[in-house]
Amino acid sequence: MVRHYFVYILASKPNGTLYIGVTNNLGRRTIEHKYGLIDGFTKTYSVHRLVYYEIFTDIKLAIYREKQLKWWKRDWKIDLINNKNPEWKDLYKAIF
């Protein structure tokens, strides 16, 4: 069985506060962020909009990519989102 891992970016609004994470269940994790089920950064700063994600089959590669994105300059992250999701739509709706 092939497992999937996701590196994702959440935003508070277009060009707003960003959060980058990694998970093996994007649907569950997005719900946890969206409805504030877990205390932390995303709940405190209302970062609930899923604006970008990548899929991996190797957890080590997913973690490496997450760390890579976290070190990127903000402008690079904004460009990455704009290239794939120029309207900053909440991709949560596309998952369900």
C-alpha atoms as a PDB file:
ATOM      1  CA  MET A   1       0.000   0.000   0.000  1.00  0.00           C
ATOM      2  CA  VAL A   2       1.345   3.400  -0.993  1.00  0.00           C
ATOM      3  CA  ARG A   3       1.114   6.044   1.719  1.00  0.00           C
ATOM      4  CA  HIS A   4       0.758   9.709   0.894  1.00  0.00           C
ATOM      5  CA  TYR A   5       2.173  12.671   2.770  1.00  0.00           C
ATOM      6  CA  PHE A   6       1.311  16.293   2.234  1.00  0.00           C
ATOM      7  CA  VAL A   7       3.208  19.527   2.661  1.00  0.00           C
ATOM      8  CA  TYR A   8       0.686  22.314   2.891  1.00  0.00           C
ATOM      9  CA  ILE A   9       0.407  26.065   3.286  1.00  0.00           C
ATOM     10  CA  LEU A  10      -2.424  27.781   5.106  1.00  0.00           C
ATOM     11  CA  ALA A  11      -3.129  31.519   4.955  1.00  0.00           C
ATOM     12  CA  SER A  12      -5.248  33.886   7.019  1.00  0.00           C
ATOM     13  CA  LYS A  13      -6.279  35.741   3.833  1.00  0.00           C
ATOM     14  CA  PRO A  14      -4.706  36.506   0.442  1.00  0.00           C
ATOM     15  CA  ASN A  15      -1.136  37.667   1.126  1.00  0.00           C
ATOM     16  CA  GLY A  16      -1.796  37.279   4.851  1.00  0.00           C
ATOM     17  CA  THR A  17      -0.152  35.276   7.610  1.00  0.00           C
ATOM     18  CA  LEU A  18       1.193  31.911   6.404  1.00  0.00           C
ATOM     19  CA  TYR A  19       1.640  28.544   8.081  1.00  0.00           C
ATOM     20  CA  ILE A  20       3.508  25.564   6.607  1.00  0.00           C
ATOM     21  CA  GLY A  21       3.013  22.006   7.818  1.00  0.00           C
ATOM     22  CA  VAL A  22       3.300  18.331   6.894  1.00  0.00           C
ATOM     23  CA  THR A  23       0.749  15.553   7.468  1.00  0.00           C
ATOM     24  CA  ASN A  24      -0.299  12.119   6.308  1.00  0.00           C
ATOM     25  CA  ASN A  25      -3.993  13.098   6.270  1.00  0.00           C
ATOM     26  CA  LEU A  26      -4.610  16.474   4.650  1.00  0.00           C
ATOM     27  CA  GLY A  27      -8.381  16.371   5.101  1.00  0.00           C
ATOM     28  CA  ARG A  28      -8.227  15.687   8.838  1.00  0.00           C
ATOM     29  CA  ARG A  29      -5.421  18.164   9.420  1.00  0.00           C
ATOM     30  CA  THR A  30      -7.194  20.908   7.472  1.00  0.00           C
ATOM     31  CA  ILE A  31     -10.350  20.410   9.549  1.00  0.00           C
ATOM     32  CA  GLU A  32      -8.297  20.621  12.750  1.00  0.00           C
ATOM     33  CA  HIS A  33      -6.853  23.964  11.630  1.00  0.00           C
ATOM     34  CA  LYS A  34     -10.073  25.321  10.103  1.00  0.00           C
ATOM     35  CA  TYR A  35     -12.188  24.725  13.195  1.00  0.00           C
ATOM     36  CA  GLY A  36      -9.522  25.518  15.789  1.00  0.00           C
ATOM     37  CA  LEU A  37      -9.525  22.004  17.234  1.00  0.00           C
ATOM     38  CA  ILE A  38      -5.858  22.292  18.207  1.00  0.00           C
ATOM     39  CA  ASP A  39      -4.408  25.194  20.161  1.00  0.00           C
ATOM     40  CA  GLY A  40      -1.462  26.897  18.544  1.00  0.00           C
ATOM     41  CA  PHE A  41      -0.325  29.335  15.898  1.00  0.00           C
ATOM     42  CA  THR A  42      -3.119  28.763  13.374  1.00  0.00           C
ATOM     43  CA  LYS A  43      -5.839  29.110  16.004  1.00  0.00           C
ATOM     44  CA  THR A  44      -4.263  32.215  17.560  1.00  0.00           C
ATOM     45  CA  TYR A  45      -3.783  33.999  14.210  1.00  0.00           C
ATOM     46  CA  SER A  46      -6.873  32.653  12.374  1.00  0.00           C
ATOM     47  CA  VAL A  47      -4.821  30.921   9.699  1.00  0.00           C
ATOM     48  CA  HIS A  48      -7.460  28.559   8.280  1.00  0.00           C
ATOM     49  CA  ARG A  49      -7.408  28.797   4.477  1.00  0.00           C
ATOM     50  CA  LEU A  50      -5.664  25.914   2.654  1.00  0.00           C
ATOM     51  CA  VAL A  51      -4.000  27.677  -0.277  1.00  0.00           C
ATOM     52  CA  TYR A  52      -1.323  25.211  -1.415  1.00  0.00           C
ATOM     53  CA  TYR A  53      -0.231  21.610  -1.036  1.00  0.00           C
ATOM     54  CA  GLU A  54       2.158  19.057  -2.500  1.00  0.00           C
ATOM     55  CA  ILE A  55       1.877  15.248  -2.352  1.00  0.00           C
ATOM     56  CA  PHE A  56       4.752  12.875  -1.524  1.00  0.00           C
ATOM     57  CA  THR A  57       5.075   9.107  -1.093  1.00  0.00           C
ATOM     58  CA  ASP A  58       8.221   9.388   1.040  1.00  0.00           C
ATOM     59  CA  ILE A  59       7.889  11.008   4.479  1.00  0.00           C
ATOM     60  CA  LYS A  60      11.564  11.986   4.490  1.00  0.00           C
ATOM     61  CA  LEU A  61      11.104  13.951   1.275  1.00  0.00           C
ATOM     62  CA  ALA A  62       7.955  15.577   2.629  1.00  0.00           C
ATOM     63  CA  ILE A  63       9.719  16.678   5.816  1.00  0.00           C
ATOM     64  CA  TYR A  64      12.683  17.941   3.798  1.00  0.00           C
ATOM     65  CA  ARG A  65      10.342  19.977   1.576  1.00  0.00           C
ATOM     66  CA  GLU A  66       8.496  21.393   4.599  1.00  0.00           C
ATOM     67  CA  LYS A  67      11.776  22.569   6.118  1.00  0.00           C
ATOM     68  CA  GLN A  68      12.890  23.960   2.771  1.00  0.00           C
ATOM     69  CA  LEU A  69       9.706  26.015   2.394  1.00  0.00           C
ATOM     70  CA  LYS A  70       9.921  27.290   5.963  1.00  0.00           C
ATOM     71  CA  TRP A  71      13.373  28.700   5.211  1.00  0.00           C
ATOM     72  CA  TRP A  72      12.255  30.394   1.993  1.00  0.00           C
ATOM     73  CA  LYS A  73      11.763  34.140   1.900  1.00  0.00           C
ATOM     74  CA  ARG A  74       8.152  35.243   2.242  1.00  0.00           C
ATOM     75  CA  ASP A  75       8.107  36.613  -1.321  1.00  0.00           C
ATOM     76  CA  TRP A  76       9.087  33.183  -2.677  1.00  0.00           C
ATOM     77  CA  LYS A  77       6.259  31.539  -0.750  1.00  0.00           C
ATOM     78  CA  ILE A  78       3.776  34.109  -2.063  1.00  0.00           C
ATOM     79  CA  ASP A  79       5.009  33.475  -5.630  1.00  0.00           C
ATOM     80  CA  LEU A  80       4.635  29.706  -5.148  1.00  0.00           C
ATOM     81  CA  ILE A  81       1.021  30.149  -4.065  1.00  0.00           C
ATOM     82  CA  ASN A  82       0.262  32.702  -6.792  1.00  0.00           C
ATOM     83  CA  ASN A  83       1.578  30.343  -9.482  1.00  0.00           C
ATOM     84  CA  LYS A  84      -0.678  27.445  -8.417  1.00  0.00           C
ATOM     85  CA  ASN A  85      -3.603  29.262  -6.822  1.00  0.00           C
ATOM     86  CA  PRO A  86      -3.659  32.900  -8.044  1.00  0.00           C
ATOM     87  CA  GLU A  87      -7.075  33.594  -6.510  1.00  0.00           C
ATOM     88  CA  TRP A  88      -5.983  32.163  -3.134  1.00  0.00           C
ATOM     89  CA  LYS A  89      -9.078  29.959  -3.109  1.00  0.00           C
ATOM     90  CA  ASP A  90      -9.571  27.727  -0.097  1.00  0.00           C
ATOM     91  CA  LEU A  91      -8.570  24.324  -1.504  1.00  0.00           C
ATOM     92  CA  TYR A  92     -10.265  22.600   1.417  1.00  0.00           C
ATOM     93  CA  LYS A  93     -13.453  22.589  -0.632  1.00  0.00           C
ATOM     94  CA  ALA A  94     -11.693  20.725  -3.464  1.00  0.00           C
ATOM     95  CA  ILE A  95     -10.583  17.964  -1.071  1.00  0.00           C
ATOM     96  CA  PHE A  96     -14.136  17.168   0.078  1.00  0.00           C
END
